[in-house]
Amino acid sequence: MTEDSQRNFRSVYYEKVGFRGVEEKKSLEILLKDDRLDTEKLCTFSQRFPLPSMYRALVWKVLLGILPPHHESHAKVMMYRKEQYLDVLHALKVVRFVSDATPQAEVYLRMYQLESGKLPRSPSFPLEPDDEVFLAIAKAMEEMVEDSVDCYWITR
């Protein structure tokens, strides 16, 4: 057997026994090794295949524009994103709009409202339908993303 047919046999075999992601993970790793991430290819990949959990947050942040496609600026940009997150959170605590007892999804909502200029006069005002959708997305993201800064930026 040639090398190519052997690899194809292996791929078909793995797929039949339920290990479909072996080749996909390698393909994603190759895409992520580039100095400048190709957002078009990442978008196509993420539409066709499930993203491994270890790369999910990174790919989402690049595709959503939270991180630039250049690897060398990721750490610096995330540092700025974290500073902004902490500043907005501090502002909400100072005006007593959120506290340590406030559910995290609601904190993300209030942070987003403050940044977008839609923060109501009082936390007791009823939520808009868009706010309910935001809360549902935030709760889902909390289950998938461990870091609260990443969770906020992806949800937003």
Protein backbone atom coordinates (compact mmCIF):
# COMPACT_ATOMS: atom_id res chain seq x y z
CA MET A 1 0.00 0.00 0.00
CA THR A 2 1.17 3.49 -0.71
CA GLU A 3 1.46 6.08 2.02
CA ASP A 4 -1.55 8.05 0.73
CA SER A 5 -3.90 5.07 0.46
CA GLN A 6 -2.79 3.87 3.90
CA ARG A 7 -3.61 7.25 5.38
CA ASN A 8 -6.99 7.27 3.63
CA PHE A 9 -7.72 3.77 4.93
CA ARG A 10 -6.83 4.92 8.43
CA SER A 11 -9.03 8.00 8.12
CA VAL A 12 -12.00 5.94 6.93
CA TYR A 13 -11.41 3.37 9.69
CA TYR A 14 -11.17 6.05 12.40
CA GLU A 15 -14.32 7.68 11.11
CA LYS A 16 -16.24 4.39 11.20
CA VAL A 17 -15.24 3.70 14.80
CA GLY A 18 -16.08 7.24 15.90
CA PHE A 19 -12.69 8.99 15.93
CA ARG A 20 -13.51 11.49 13.24
CA GLY A 21 -11.54 14.35 14.78
CA VAL A 22 -8.01 12.99 14.32
CA GLU A 23 -7.40 14.59 10.92
CA GLU A 24 -9.53 17.63 11.77
CA LYS A 25 -7.47 18.45 14.84
CA LYS A 26 -4.25 18.25 12.82
CA SER A 27 -5.73 20.51 10.15
CA LEU A 28 -6.76 23.07 12.76
CA GLU A 29 -3.32 22.97 14.38
CA ILE A 30 -1.75 23.66 10.98
CA LEU A 31 -4.09 26.64 10.49
CA LEU A 32 -3.23 27.98 13.96
CA LYS A 33 0.55 27.72 13.39
CA ASP A 34 0.58 30.44 10.73
CA ASP A 35 2.09 33.78 11.78
CA ARG A 36 -1.04 35.52 10.55
CA LEU A 37 -4.18 33.49 11.10
CA ASP A 38 -6.34 33.16 8.00
CA THR A 39 -9.78 34.12 9.30
CA GLU A 40 -11.45 32.95 6.09
CA LYS A 41 -10.04 29.42 6.48
CA LEU A 42 -10.79 29.39 10.22
CA CYS A 43 -14.37 30.41 9.52
CA THR A 44 -14.79 27.69 6.89
CA PHE A 45 -13.21 25.11 9.21
CA SER A 46 -15.43 26.04 12.15
CA GLN A 47 -18.54 25.78 9.98
CA ARG A 48 -17.64 22.32 8.70
CA PHE A 49 -16.15 20.65 11.76
CA PRO A 50 -16.60 20.83 15.54
CA LEU A 51 -13.85 22.81 17.24
CA PRO A 52 -11.81 20.96 19.88
CA SER A 53 -12.45 22.56 23.27
CA MET A 54 -8.77 23.41 23.74
CA TYR A 55 -8.84 25.73 20.70
CA ARG A 56 -12.46 26.87 20.82
CA ALA A 57 -12.02 30.14 22.75
CA LEU A 58 -9.00 31.19 20.68
CA VAL A 59 -10.76 30.56 17.36
CA TRP A 60 -13.92 32.32 18.54
CA LYS A 61 -11.94 35.35 19.74
CA VAL A 62 -10.15 35.64 16.38
CA LEU A 63 -13.33 35.15 14.33
CA LEU A 64 -15.29 37.65 16.42
CA GLY A 65 -12.55 40.28 16.11
CA ILE A 66 -11.67 40.25 19.81
CA LEU A 67 -8.12 39.24 18.90
CA PRO A 68 -6.25 40.29 15.76
CA PRO A 69 -5.09 37.57 13.36
CA HIS A 70 -1.42 38.21 14.25
CA HIS A 71 -0.11 35.92 17.01
CA GLU A 72 2.47 38.36 18.34
CA SER A 73 -0.17 40.88 19.40
CA HIS A 74 -2.55 38.44 21.15
CA ALA A 75 -1.04 38.84 24.63
CA LYS A 76 -0.97 42.64 24.45
CA VAL A 77 -4.53 42.90 23.11
CA MET A 78 -5.86 40.52 25.78
CA MET A 79 -4.08 42.59 28.43
CA TYR A 80 -5.98 45.68 27.20
CA ARG A 81 -9.24 43.72 27.03
CA LYS A 82 -8.74 42.56 30.62
CA GLU A 83 -8.01 46.13 31.80
CA GLN A 84 -11.18 47.36 30.10
CA TYR A 85 -13.18 44.50 31.66
CA LEU A 86 -11.86 45.34 35.14
CA ASP A 87 -12.47 49.09 34.68
CA VAL A 88 -16.09 48.60 33.61
CA LEU A 89 -16.69 46.08 36.40
CA HIS A 90 -15.22 48.50 38.94
CA ALA A 91 -17.43 51.32 37.65
CA LEU A 92 -20.55 49.18 38.07
CA LYS A 93 -19.53 48.26 41.61
CA VAL A 94 -18.84 51.90 42.52
CA VAL A 95 -22.33 52.97 41.43
CA ARG A 96 -23.70 49.89 43.23
CA PHE A 97 -25.27 48.45 40.11
CA VAL A 98 -23.66 45.06 40.73
CA SER A 99 -22.20 43.37 43.78
CA ASP A 100 -20.29 40.19 44.51
CA ALA A 101 -23.66 38.43 44.89
CA THR A 102 -24.87 39.40 41.39
CA PRO A 103 -25.01 36.40 39.01
CA GLN A 104 -22.12 36.53 36.55
CA ALA A 105 -24.36 36.54 33.46
CA GLU A 106 -26.15 39.62 34.79
CA VAL A 107 -22.80 41.29 35.46
CA TYR A 108 -21.87 40.72 31.79
CA LEU A 109 -25.21 42.21 30.74
CA ARG A 110 -24.75 45.32 32.90
CA MET A 111 -21.18 45.73 31.63
CA TYR A 112 -22.39 45.55 28.04
CA GLN A 113 -25.21 47.99 28.77
CA LEU A 114 -22.79 50.46 30.35
CA GLU A 115 -20.37 50.26 27.43
CA SER A 116 -23.12 50.63 24.84
CA GLY A 117 -24.85 53.50 26.69
CA LYS A 118 -28.00 51.47 27.46
CA LEU A 119 -27.64 51.04 31.21
CA PRO A 120 -31.04 51.69 32.85
CA ARG A 121 -31.38 54.16 35.72
CA SER A 122 -32.02 51.36 38.19
CA PRO A 123 -31.17 47.64 38.30
CA SER A 124 -34.82 46.98 39.16
CA PHE A 125 -36.10 48.15 35.74
CA PRO A 126 -37.55 45.24 33.72
CA LEU A 127 -35.27 43.68 31.12
CA GLU A 128 -35.82 44.24 27.42
CA PRO A 129 -36.25 41.18 25.15
CA ASP A 130 -32.74 41.77 23.76
CA ASP A 131 -31.40 41.69 27.32
CA GLU A 132 -33.05 38.31 27.91
CA VAL A 133 -31.34 36.98 24.78
CA PHE A 134 -28.01 38.39 25.98
CA LEU A 135 -28.46 36.65 29.35
CA ALA A 136 -29.21 33.32 27.65
CA ILE A 137 -26.08 33.62 25.52
CA ALA A 138 -24.00 34.64 28.55
CA LYS A 139 -25.22 31.65 30.56
CA ALA A 140 -24.37 29.29 27.69
CA MET A 141 -20.92 30.85 27.32
CA GLU A 142 -20.26 30.50 31.06
CA GLU A 143 -20.56 26.74 30.64
CA MET A 144 -18.10 26.65 27.73
CA VAL A 145 -15.49 29.27 28.64
CA GLU A 146 -13.64 29.20 31.95
CA ASP A 147 -12.12 32.69 32.03
CA SER A 148 -14.59 35.44 32.91
CA VAL A 149 -12.80 38.01 30.73
CA ASP A 150 -12.96 35.70 27.70
CA CYS A 151 -16.57 34.86 28.49
CA TYR A 152 -17.57 38.54 28.57
CA TRP A 153 -15.79 39.43 25.35
CA ILE A 154 -17.13 36.42 23.44
CA THR A 155 -20.66 37.04 24.72
CA ARG A 156 -20.59 40.73 23.89
